[in-house]
Amino acid sequence: MLRCAKSFGTQLVDKNMRQTWELLLAMTEREIKARYKFAVLGFLWIFLNPLLQMLVIGIIFSFVLKVPIPNYFAFLFTGLLVWNFFSMTLLKTTPSIVFELGLIEKAKFPREVIVLSIVLSNLFHTVMAFLLFVGVLAVIGQLIWWRVLFVIVALVWLTIFTSGLSLLTAALNVRYRDVNFIVQAIMPIWFYATPILYSLALVPERLRFFMNLNPLASVVEIFHWALVGGQFPTFSMIASNAVTSFVVVVCGWCIFRREAPFFDDWI
């Protein structure tokens, strides 16, 4: 009897997990298709948007301010791809639970699927953009192939951190709607506090402490080093950024799971 009960429980868990994954993939596919549904250029905007940003910012910082960074346009484009994934995901996931009120009221399902489907859809677009960029670097002969492996590691780190922070802000925003406005206000500050427009080598030593608190600092620098050269982040920075990321992910997951049963009441 105990064995049968255990077997049934295992099958039930497996079935629920399978249904959750199927729902997650379905919602991710919906997000991917909806993003450029009526756009003439479609998926090209994945590459064109950061390209236009790179040209405008690059001209100012390279020719006017004369930032002393070799291959500055490629350096800038790499950082913008990382930032666009992070910022666009966080800005969309934070109010996502509130926006999906109709879906939440109609069916019972793991609420985190709403948030994670947005993360995965943006990840898909980002991966496509990076593949195009890596192809360009390979054609012009500026790619060191063994370093591309670090891009995968950095992308996994970025995705996990973004997912954890998204779950945290999405859960808190249901109860405190100010969270969405706080996120919108913080993003421009966070952009300039991340080594996207500049390298860590240009940051004064007295300000390096703040970089150790910013998980995106190590991620962006690993991308820079892997694709366009530069300095690999120090072990102390990677360690402190990894600890910060871990704390954010754990807090995000735990708080979301704690608040999820009460979303209906607060919405």
C-alpha atoms as a PDB file:
ATOM      1  CA  MET A   1       0.000   0.000   0.000  1.00  0.00           C
ATOM      2  CA  LEU A   2       2.801   2.404   0.949  1.00  0.00           C
ATOM      3  CA  ARG A   3       4.660   1.574  -2.264  1.00  0.00           C
ATOM      4  CA  CYS A   4       1.541   2.249  -4.353  1.00  0.00           C
ATOM      5  CA  ALA A   5       0.949   5.561  -2.594  1.00  0.00           C
ATOM      6  CA  LYS A   6       4.574   6.557  -3.164  1.00  0.00           C
ATOM      7  CA  SER A   7       4.359   5.592  -6.840  1.00  0.00           C
ATOM      8  CA  PHE A   8       1.151   7.579  -7.284  1.00  0.00           C
ATOM      9  CA  GLY A   9       2.712  10.612  -5.606  1.00  0.00           C
ATOM     10  CA  THR A  10       5.742  10.419  -7.882  1.00  0.00           C
ATOM     11  CA  GLN A  11       3.552  10.182 -10.984  1.00  0.00           C
ATOM     12  CA  LEU A  12       1.478  13.121  -9.789  1.00  0.00           C
ATOM     13  CA  VAL A  13       4.554  15.272  -9.245  1.00  0.00           C
ATOM     14  CA  ASP A  14       5.946  14.296 -12.657  1.00  0.00           C
ATOM     15  CA  LYS A  15       2.627  15.114 -14.296  1.00  0.00           C
ATOM     16  CA  ASN A  16       2.434  18.501 -12.594  1.00  0.00           C
ATOM     17  CA  MET A  17       6.015  19.297 -13.560  1.00  0.00           C
ATOM     18  CA  ARG A  18       5.349  18.326 -17.162  1.00  0.00           C
ATOM     19  CA  GLN A  19       2.213  20.455 -17.291  1.00  0.00           C
ATOM     20  CA  THR A  20       4.106  23.402 -15.779  1.00  0.00           C
ATOM     21  CA  TRP A  21       6.871  23.122 -18.362  1.00  0.00           C
ATOM     22  CA  GLU A  22       4.352  22.863 -21.186  1.00  0.00           C
ATOM     23  CA  LEU A  23       2.553  25.956 -19.913  1.00  0.00           C
ATOM     24  CA  LEU A  24       5.835  27.828 -19.529  1.00  0.00           C
ATOM     25  CA  LEU A  25       6.907  26.981 -23.078  1.00  0.00           C
ATOM     26  CA  ALA A  26       3.470  27.900 -24.463  1.00  0.00           C
ATOM     27  CA  MET A  27       3.478  31.286 -22.742  1.00  0.00           C
ATOM     28  CA  THR A  28       7.075  31.897 -23.803  1.00  0.00           C
ATOM     29  CA  GLU A  29       6.140  31.162 -27.425  1.00  0.00           C
ATOM     30  CA  ARG A  30       3.220  33.563 -27.104  1.00  0.00           C
ATOM     31  CA  GLU A  31       5.523  36.293 -25.820  1.00  0.00           C
ATOM     32  CA  ILE A  32       8.025  35.736 -28.642  1.00  0.00           C
ATOM     33  CA  LYS A  33       5.366  35.905 -31.363  1.00  0.00           C
ATOM     34  CA  ALA A  34       3.560  38.884 -29.854  1.00  0.00           C
ATOM     35  CA  ARG A  35       6.627  41.077 -29.535  1.00  0.00           C
ATOM     36  CA  TYR A  36       7.172  41.723 -33.259  1.00  0.00           C
ATOM     37  CA  LYS A  37       3.806  40.538 -34.569  1.00  0.00           C
ATOM     38  CA  PHE A  38       3.014  43.580 -36.715  1.00  0.00           C
ATOM     39  CA  ALA A  39       6.552  44.918 -37.140  1.00  0.00           C
ATOM     40  CA  VAL A  40       7.741  45.071 -40.754  1.00  0.00           C
ATOM     41  CA  LEU A  41      11.358  44.326 -39.847  1.00  0.00           C
ATOM     42  CA  GLY A  42      10.339  41.702 -37.289  1.00  0.00           C
ATOM     43  CA  PHE A  43      13.219  39.997 -35.492  1.00  0.00           C
ATOM     44  CA  LEU A  44      15.750  42.377 -37.057  1.00  0.00           C
ATOM     45  CA  TRP A  45      14.839  44.812 -34.288  1.00  0.00           C
ATOM     46  CA  ILE A  46      16.654  42.468 -31.905  1.00  0.00           C
ATOM     47  CA  PHE A  47      19.861  43.628 -33.556  1.00  0.00           C
ATOM     48  CA  LEU A  48      18.841  47.063 -34.860  1.00  0.00           C
ATOM     49  CA  ASN A  49      17.751  48.539 -31.531  1.00  0.00           C
ATOM     50  CA  PRO A  50      21.119  48.140 -29.728  1.00  0.00           C
ATOM     51  CA  LEU A  51      22.874  48.989 -33.009  1.00  0.00           C
ATOM     52  CA  LEU A  52      21.174  52.392 -33.155  1.00  0.00           C
ATOM     53  CA  GLN A  53      21.960  52.969 -29.486  1.00  0.00           C
ATOM     54  CA  MET A  54      25.578  52.016 -30.129  1.00  0.00           C
ATOM     55  CA  LEU A  55      25.931  54.486 -33.000  1.00  0.00           C
ATOM     56  CA  VAL A  56      24.525  57.450 -31.088  1.00  0.00           C
ATOM     57  CA  ILE A  57      26.323  56.786 -27.796  1.00  0.00           C
ATOM     58  CA  GLY A  58      29.480  55.561 -29.536  1.00  0.00           C
ATOM     59  CA  ILE A  59      29.889  58.726 -31.619  1.00  0.00           C
ATOM     60  CA  ILE A  60      29.558  60.919 -28.531  1.00  0.00           C
ATOM     61  CA  PHE A  61      31.872  58.913 -26.267  1.00  0.00           C
ATOM     62  CA  SER A  62      34.395  57.893 -28.920  1.00  0.00           C
ATOM     63  CA  PHE A  63      34.824  61.110 -30.920  1.00  0.00           C
ATOM     64  CA  VAL A  64      33.642  63.837 -28.548  1.00  0.00           C
ATOM     65  CA  LEU A  65      34.623  62.577 -25.084  1.00  0.00           C
ATOM     66  CA  LYS A  66      37.377  60.360 -26.531  1.00  0.00           C
ATOM     67  CA  VAL A  67      37.039  57.378 -24.185  1.00  0.00           C
ATOM     68  CA  PRO A  68      40.382  55.470 -24.277  1.00  0.00           C
ATOM     69  CA  ILE A  69      38.945  52.023 -25.045  1.00  0.00           C
ATOM     70  CA  PRO A  70      40.037  50.028 -28.130  1.00  0.00           C
ATOM     71  CA  ASN A  71      37.211  48.788 -30.396  1.00  0.00           C
ATOM     72  CA  TYR A  72      34.838  51.017 -28.474  1.00  0.00           C
ATOM     73  CA  PHE A  73      31.821  50.439 -30.729  1.00  0.00           C
ATOM     74  CA  ALA A  74      32.038  46.661 -30.307  1.00  0.00           C
ATOM     75  CA  PHE A  75      32.702  47.151 -26.590  1.00  0.00           C
ATOM     76  CA  LEU A  76      29.596  49.331 -26.279  1.00  0.00           C
ATOM     77  CA  PHE A  77      27.403  47.033 -28.364  1.00  0.00           C
ATOM     78  CA  THR A  78      28.263  44.058 -26.147  1.00  0.00           C
ATOM     79  CA  GLY A  79      27.278  45.897 -22.991  1.00  0.00           C
ATOM     80  CA  LEU A  80      24.074  47.221 -24.547  1.00  0.00           C
ATOM     81  CA  LEU A  81      22.922  43.715 -25.488  1.00  0.00           C
ATOM     82  CA  VAL A  82      23.360  42.608 -21.879  1.00  0.00           C
ATOM     83  CA  TRP A  83      21.678  45.710 -20.495  1.00  0.00           C
ATOM     84  CA  ASN A  84      18.734  45.608 -22.896  1.00  0.00           C
ATOM     85  CA  PHE A  85      17.943  42.044 -21.856  1.00  0.00           C
ATOM     86  CA  PHE A  86      18.117  42.896 -18.166  1.00  0.00           C
ATOM     87  CA  SER A  87      16.280  46.225 -18.257  1.00  0.00           C
ATOM     88  CA  MET A  88      13.536  45.223 -20.702  1.00  0.00           C
ATOM     89  CA  THR A  89      12.885  42.031 -18.751  1.00  0.00           C
ATOM     90  CA  LEU A  90      12.724  43.690 -15.344  1.00  0.00           C
ATOM     91  CA  LEU A  91      10.539  46.555 -16.555  1.00  0.00           C
ATOM     92  CA  LYS A  92       8.069  44.113 -18.083  1.00  0.00           C
ATOM     93  CA  THR A  93       8.038  41.443 -15.375  1.00  0.00           C
ATOM     94  CA  THR A  94       7.570  43.816 -12.431  1.00  0.00           C
ATOM     95  CA  PRO A  95       3.924  44.705 -13.302  1.00  0.00           C
ATOM     96  CA  SER A  96       3.242  41.383 -15.082  1.00  0.00           C
ATOM     97  CA  ILE A  97       1.212  39.729 -12.300  1.00  0.00           C
ATOM     98  CA  VAL A  98      -1.069  42.755 -12.030  1.00  0.00           C
ATOM     99  CA  PHE A  99      -1.514  42.892 -15.812  1.00  0.00           C
ATOM    100  CA  GLU A 100      -2.471  39.202 -15.972  1.00  0.00           C
ATOM    101  CA  LEU A 101      -5.371  39.568 -13.535  1.00  0.00           C
ATOM    102  CA  GLY A 102      -7.844  37.954 -15.944  1.00  0.00           C
ATOM    103  CA  LEU A 103      -5.665  34.886 -16.419  1.00  0.00           C
ATOM    104  CA  ILE A 104      -5.056  34.497 -12.684  1.00  0.00           C
ATOM    105  CA  GLU A 105      -8.766  34.644 -11.923  1.00  0.00           C
ATOM    106  CA  LYS A 106      -9.672  32.087 -14.587  1.00  0.00           C
ATOM    107  CA  ALA A 107      -7.240  29.274 -13.842  1.00  0.00           C
ATOM    108  CA  LYS A 108      -4.990  27.820 -11.164  1.00  0.00           C
ATOM    109  CA  PHE A 109      -1.386  27.365 -12.220  1.00  0.00           C
ATOM    110  CA  PRO A 110       2.084  28.221 -10.865  1.00  0.00           C
ATOM    111  CA  ARG A 111       2.130  32.025 -10.925  1.00  0.00           C
ATOM    112  CA  GLU A 112       5.870  32.169 -11.525  1.00  0.00           C
ATOM    113  CA  VAL A 113       5.211  30.938 -15.064  1.00  0.00           C
ATOM    114  CA  ILE A 114       3.959  34.428 -15.951  1.00  0.00           C
ATOM    115  CA  VAL A 115       7.256  36.000 -14.921  1.00  0.00           C
ATOM    116  CA  LEU A 116       9.577  33.293 -16.241  1.00  0.00           C
ATOM    117  CA  SER A 117       7.882  33.222 -19.667  1.00  0.00           C
ATOM    118  CA  ILE A 118       8.845  36.879 -20.122  1.00  0.00           C
ATOM    119  CA  VAL A 119      12.408  36.137 -19.016  1.00  0.00           C
ATOM    120  CA  LEU A 120      12.728  33.235 -21.469  1.00  0.00           C
ATOM    121  CA  SER A 121      11.207  35.136 -24.385  1.00  0.00           C
ATOM    122  CA  ASN A 122      13.649  38.024 -23.876  1.00  0.00           C
ATOM    123  CA  LEU A 123      16.462  35.490 -23.473  1.00  0.00           C
ATOM    124  CA  PHE A 124      15.565  34.031 -26.865  1.00  0.00           C
ATOM    125  CA  HIS A 125      15.820  37.461 -28.507  1.00  0.00           C
ATOM    126  CA  THR A 126      19.095  38.185 -26.739  1.00  0.00           C
ATOM    127  CA  VAL A 127      20.655  34.878 -27.763  1.00  0.00           C
ATOM    128  CA  MET A 128      19.685  35.537 -31.396  1.00  0.00           C
ATOM    129  CA  ALA A 129      21.283  38.988 -31.226  1.00  0.00           C
ATOM    130  CA  PHE A 130      24.480  37.601 -29.690  1.00  0.00           C
ATOM    131  CA  LEU A 131      24.689  34.902 -32.364  1.00  0.00           C
ATOM    132  CA  LEU A 132      24.510  37.584 -35.057  1.00  0.00           C
ATOM    133  CA  PHE A 133      27.143  39.626 -33.255  1.00  0.00           C
ATOM    134  CA  VAL A 134      29.467  36.644 -32.800  1.00  0.00           C
ATOM    135  CA  GLY A 135      29.051  35.905 -36.517  1.00  0.00           C
ATOM    136  CA  VAL A 136      30.133  39.444 -37.386  1.00  0.00           C
ATOM    137  CA  LEU A 137      33.157  39.223 -35.067  1.00  0.00           C
ATOM    138  CA  ALA A 138      34.113  35.874 -36.619  1.00  0.00           C
ATOM    139  CA  VAL A 139      33.913  37.275 -40.157  1.00  0.00           C
ATOM    140  CA  ILE A 140      36.157  40.240 -39.363  1.00  0.00           C
ATOM    141  CA  GLY A 141      38.567  37.969 -37.490  1.00  0.00           C
ATOM    142  CA  GLN A 142      38.244  39.511 -34.019  1.00  0.00           C
ATOM    143  CA  LEU A 143      36.875  36.489 -32.185  1.00  0.00           C
ATOM    144  CA  ILE A 144      38.804  34.188 -29.851  1.00  0.00           C
ATOM    145  CA  TRP A 145      36.695  31.041 -30.009  1.00  0.00           C
ATOM    146  CA  TRP A 146      37.625  29.432 -26.691  1.00  0.00           C
ATOM    147  CA  ARG A 147      36.506  32.568 -24.861  1.00  0.00           C
ATOM    148  CA  VAL A 148      32.974  32.158 -26.235  1.00  0.00           C
ATOM    149  CA  LEU A 149      32.478  29.443 -23.602  1.00  0.00           C
ATOM    150  CA  PHE A 150      32.581  32.179 -20.972  1.00  0.00           C
ATOM    151  CA  VAL A 151      29.739  33.939 -22.792  1.00  0.00           C
ATOM    152  CA  ILE A 152      27.543  30.924 -22.042  1.00  0.00           C
ATOM    153  CA  VAL A 153      28.515  31.006 -18.366  1.00  0.00           C
ATOM    154  CA  ALA A 154      27.863  34.744 -18.138  1.00  0.00           C
ATOM    155  CA  LEU A 155      24.531  34.398 -19.953  1.00  0.00           C
ATOM    156  CA  VAL A 156      23.371  31.685 -17.530  1.00  0.00           C
ATOM    157  CA  TRP A 157      24.413  33.880 -14.589  1.00  0.00           C
ATOM    158  CA  LEU A 158      22.590  36.871 -16.086  1.00  0.00           C
ATOM    159  CA  THR A 159      19.426  34.836 -16.702  1.00  0.00           C
ATOM    160  CA  ILE A 160      19.302  33.369 -13.196  1.00  0.00           C
ATOM    161  CA  PHE A 161      19.915  36.750 -11.551  1.00  0.00           C
ATOM    162  CA  THR A 162      17.327  38.480 -13.741  1.00  0.00           C
ATOM    163  CA  SER A 163      14.791  35.728 -13.012  1.00  0.00           C
ATOM    164  CA  GLY A 164      15.300  36.006  -9.250  1.00  0.00           C
ATOM    165  CA  LEU A 165      15.059  39.794  -9.223  1.00  0.00           C
ATOM    166  CA  SER A 166      12.010  39.680 -11.516  1.00  0.00           C
ATOM    167  CA  LEU A 167      10.214  37.271  -9.188  1.00  0.00           C
ATOM    168  CA  LEU A 168      11.045  39.544  -6.260  1.00  0.00           C
ATOM    169  CA  THR A 169       9.801  42.779  -7.829  1.00  0.00           C
ATOM    170  CA  ALA A 170       6.757  41.128  -9.420  1.00  0.00           C
ATOM    171  CA  ALA A 171       5.649  39.676  -6.074  1.00  0.00           C
ATOM    172  CA  LEU A 172       6.218  42.897  -4.134  1.00  0.00           C
ATOM    173  CA  ASN A 173       4.489  44.990  -6.792  1.00  0.00           C
ATOM    174  CA  VAL A 174       1.226  43.116  -6.271  1.00  0.00           C
ATOM    175  CA  ARG A 175       1.025  44.361  -2.684  1.00  0.00           C
ATOM    176  CA  TYR A 176       2.955  47.621  -3.068  1.00  0.00           C
ATOM    177  CA  ARG A 177       2.349  49.247  -6.462  1.00  0.00           C
ATOM    178  CA  ASP A 178       5.126  51.757  -5.752  1.00  0.00           C
ATOM    179  CA  VAL A 179       7.624  49.000  -6.585  1.00  0.00           C
ATOM    180  CA  ASN A 180       6.985  49.425 -10.309  1.00  0.00           C
ATOM    181  CA  PHE A 181       7.735  53.153 -10.106  1.00  0.00           C
ATOM    182  CA  ILE A 182      10.827  52.512  -7.983  1.00  0.00           C
ATOM    183  CA  VAL A 183      12.160  50.070 -10.585  1.00  0.00           C
ATOM    184  CA  GLN A 184      11.553  52.584 -13.370  1.00  0.00           C
ATOM    185  CA  ALA A 185      13.397  55.258 -11.394  1.00  0.00           C
ATOM    186  CA  ILE A 186      16.346  53.030 -10.502  1.00  0.00           C
ATOM    187  CA  MET A 187      17.035  51.635 -13.980  1.00  0.00           C
ATOM    188  CA  PRO A 188      18.734  54.779 -15.437  1.00  0.00           C
ATOM    189  CA  ILE A 189      20.945  55.026 -12.328  1.00  0.00           C
ATOM    190  CA  TRP A 190      21.785  51.325 -12.542  1.00  0.00           C
ATOM    191  CA  PHE A 191      22.729  51.751 -16.207  1.00  0.00           C
ATOM    192  CA  TYR A 192      25.419  54.313 -15.411  1.00  0.00           C
ATOM    193  CA  ALA A 193      26.563  52.310 -12.371  1.00  0.00           C
ATOM    194  CA  THR A 194      27.302  49.324 -14.641  1.00  0.00           C
ATOM    195  CA  PRO A 195      30.468  49.229 -16.829  1.00  0.00           C
ATOM    196  CA  ILE A 196      28.678  49.508 -20.168  1.00  0.00           C
ATOM    197  CA  LEU A 197      29.834  52.931 -21.366  1.00  0.00           C
ATOM    198  CA  TYR A 198      33.223  52.521 -19.674  1.00  0.00           C
ATOM    199  CA  SER A 199      35.543  49.752 -18.511  1.00  0.00           C
ATOM    200  CA  LEU A 200      36.403  48.911 -14.912  1.00  0.00           C
ATOM    201  CA  ALA A 201      39.936  50.118 -15.570  1.00  0.00           C
ATOM    202  CA  LEU A 202      38.576  53.674 -15.740  1.00  0.00           C
ATOM    203  CA  VAL A 203      36.797  53.410 -12.379  1.00  0.00           C
ATOM    204  CA  PRO A 204      38.723  55.054  -9.490  1.00  0.00           C
ATOM    205  CA  GLU A 205      39.894  52.645  -6.825  1.00  0.00           C
ATOM    206  CA  ARG A 206      37.759  54.300  -4.137  1.00  0.00           C
ATOM    207  CA  LEU A 207      34.600  53.489  -6.152  1.00  0.00           C
ATOM    208  CA  ARG A 208      35.411  49.822  -6.846  1.00  0.00           C
ATOM    209  CA  PHE A 209      33.531  48.835  -3.687  1.00  0.00           C
ATOM    210  CA  PHE A 210      30.230  49.822  -5.287  1.00  0.00           C
ATOM    211  CA  MET A 211      31.001  47.615  -8.290  1.00  0.00           C
ATOM    212  CA  ASN A 212      31.311  44.657  -5.924  1.00  0.00           C
ATOM    213  CA  LEU A 213      27.684  45.223  -4.937  1.00  0.00           C
ATOM    214  CA  ASN A 214      26.460  45.243  -8.532  1.00  0.00           C
ATOM    215  CA  PRO A 215      26.046  41.692  -9.922  1.00  0.00           C
ATOM    216  CA  LEU A 216      25.868  43.054 -13.457  1.00  0.00           C
ATOM    217  CA  ALA A 217      29.422  44.392 -13.191  1.00  0.00           C
ATOM    218  CA  SER A 218      31.068  40.960 -13.372  1.00  0.00           C
ATOM    219  CA  VAL A 219      28.594  39.710 -15.973  1.00  0.00           C
ATOM    220  CA  VAL A 220      29.196  42.647 -18.332  1.00  0.00           C
ATOM    221  CA  GLU A 221      32.961  42.505 -17.873  1.00  0.00           C
ATOM    222  CA  ILE A 222      33.026  38.775 -18.656  1.00  0.00           C
ATOM    223  CA  PHE A 223      31.081  39.479 -21.854  1.00  0.00           C
ATOM    224  CA  HIS A 224      33.510  42.267 -22.748  1.00  0.00           C
ATOM    225  CA  TRP A 225      36.561  40.110 -22.095  1.00  0.00           C
ATOM    226  CA  ALA A 226      35.158  37.140 -24.007  1.00  0.00           C
ATOM    227  CA  LEU A 227      34.058  39.019 -27.125  1.00  0.00           C
ATOM    228  CA  VAL A 228      36.088  42.203 -27.527  1.00  0.00           C
ATOM    229  CA  GLY A 229      39.001  41.843 -25.115  1.00  0.00           C
ATOM    230  CA  GLY A 230      39.765  43.834 -22.009  1.00  0.00           C
ATOM    231  CA  GLN A 231      40.381  42.883 -18.406  1.00  0.00           C
ATOM    232  CA  PHE A 232      38.807  39.854 -16.771  1.00  0.00           C
ATOM    233  CA  PRO A 233      37.068  40.762 -13.475  1.00  0.00           C
ATOM    234  CA  THR A 234      38.981  39.991 -10.314  1.00  0.00           C
ATOM    235  CA  PHE A 235      38.170  36.975  -8.174  1.00  0.00           C
ATOM    236  CA  SER A 236      36.997  39.197  -5.303  1.00  0.00           C
ATOM    237  CA  MET A 237      34.541  40.994  -7.586  1.00  0.00           C
ATOM    238  CA  ILE A 238      33.182  37.753  -9.052  1.00  0.00           C
ATOM    239  CA  ALA A 239      32.828  36.244  -5.568  1.00  0.00           C
ATOM    240  CA  SER A 240      31.003  39.251  -4.102  1.00  0.00           C
ATOM    241  CA  ASN A 241      28.775  39.601  -7.177  1.00  0.00           C
ATOM    242  CA  ALA A 242      27.969  35.874  -7.077  1.00  0.00           C
ATOM    243  CA  VAL A 243      26.997  36.079  -3.392  1.00  0.00           C
ATOM    244  CA  THR A 244      24.788  39.101  -4.068  1.00  0.00           C
ATOM    245  CA  SER A 245      23.163  37.293  -6.994  1.00  0.00           C
ATOM    246  CA  PHE A 246      22.544  34.200  -4.884  1.00  0.00           C
ATOM    247  CA  VAL A 247      20.893  36.237  -2.108  1.00  0.00           C
ATOM    248  CA  VAL A 248      18.659  38.046  -4.606  1.00  0.00           C
ATOM    249  CA  VAL A 249      17.606  34.811  -6.329  1.00  0.00           C
ATOM    250  CA  VAL A 250      16.816  33.005  -3.062  1.00  0.00           C
ATOM    251  CA  CYS A 251      14.898  35.996  -1.679  1.00  0.00           C
ATOM    252  CA  GLY A 252      13.029  36.429  -4.952  1.00  0.00           C
ATOM    253  CA  TRP A 253      11.977  32.786  -5.127  1.00  0.00           C
ATOM    254  CA  CYS A 254      10.990  32.522  -1.452  1.00  0.00           C
ATOM    255  CA  ILE A 255       9.050  35.787  -1.366  1.00  0.00           C
ATOM    256  CA  PHE A 256       7.235  34.996  -4.610  1.00  0.00           C
ATOM    257  CA  ARG A 257       6.218  31.542  -3.362  1.00  0.00           C
ATOM    258  CA  ARG A 258       5.073  33.042  -0.064  1.00  0.00           C
ATOM    259  CA  GLU A 259       3.008  35.800  -1.698  1.00  0.00           C
ATOM    260  CA  ALA A 260       1.607  33.845  -4.677  1.00  0.00           C
ATOM    261  CA  PRO A 261      -1.402  32.326  -2.822  1.00  0.00           C
ATOM    262  CA  PHE A 262      -2.574  35.840  -1.911  1.00  0.00           C
ATOM    263  CA  PHE A 263      -2.243  37.489  -5.335  1.00  0.00           C
ATOM    264  CA  ASP A 264      -5.986  37.202  -5.944  1.00  0.00           C
ATOM    265  CA  ASP A 265      -6.729  39.128  -2.734  1.00  0.00           C
ATOM    266  CA  TRP A 266      -4.350  41.988  -3.427  1.00  0.00           C
ATOM    267  CA  ILE A 267      -5.126  42.390  -7.131  1.00  0.00           C
END
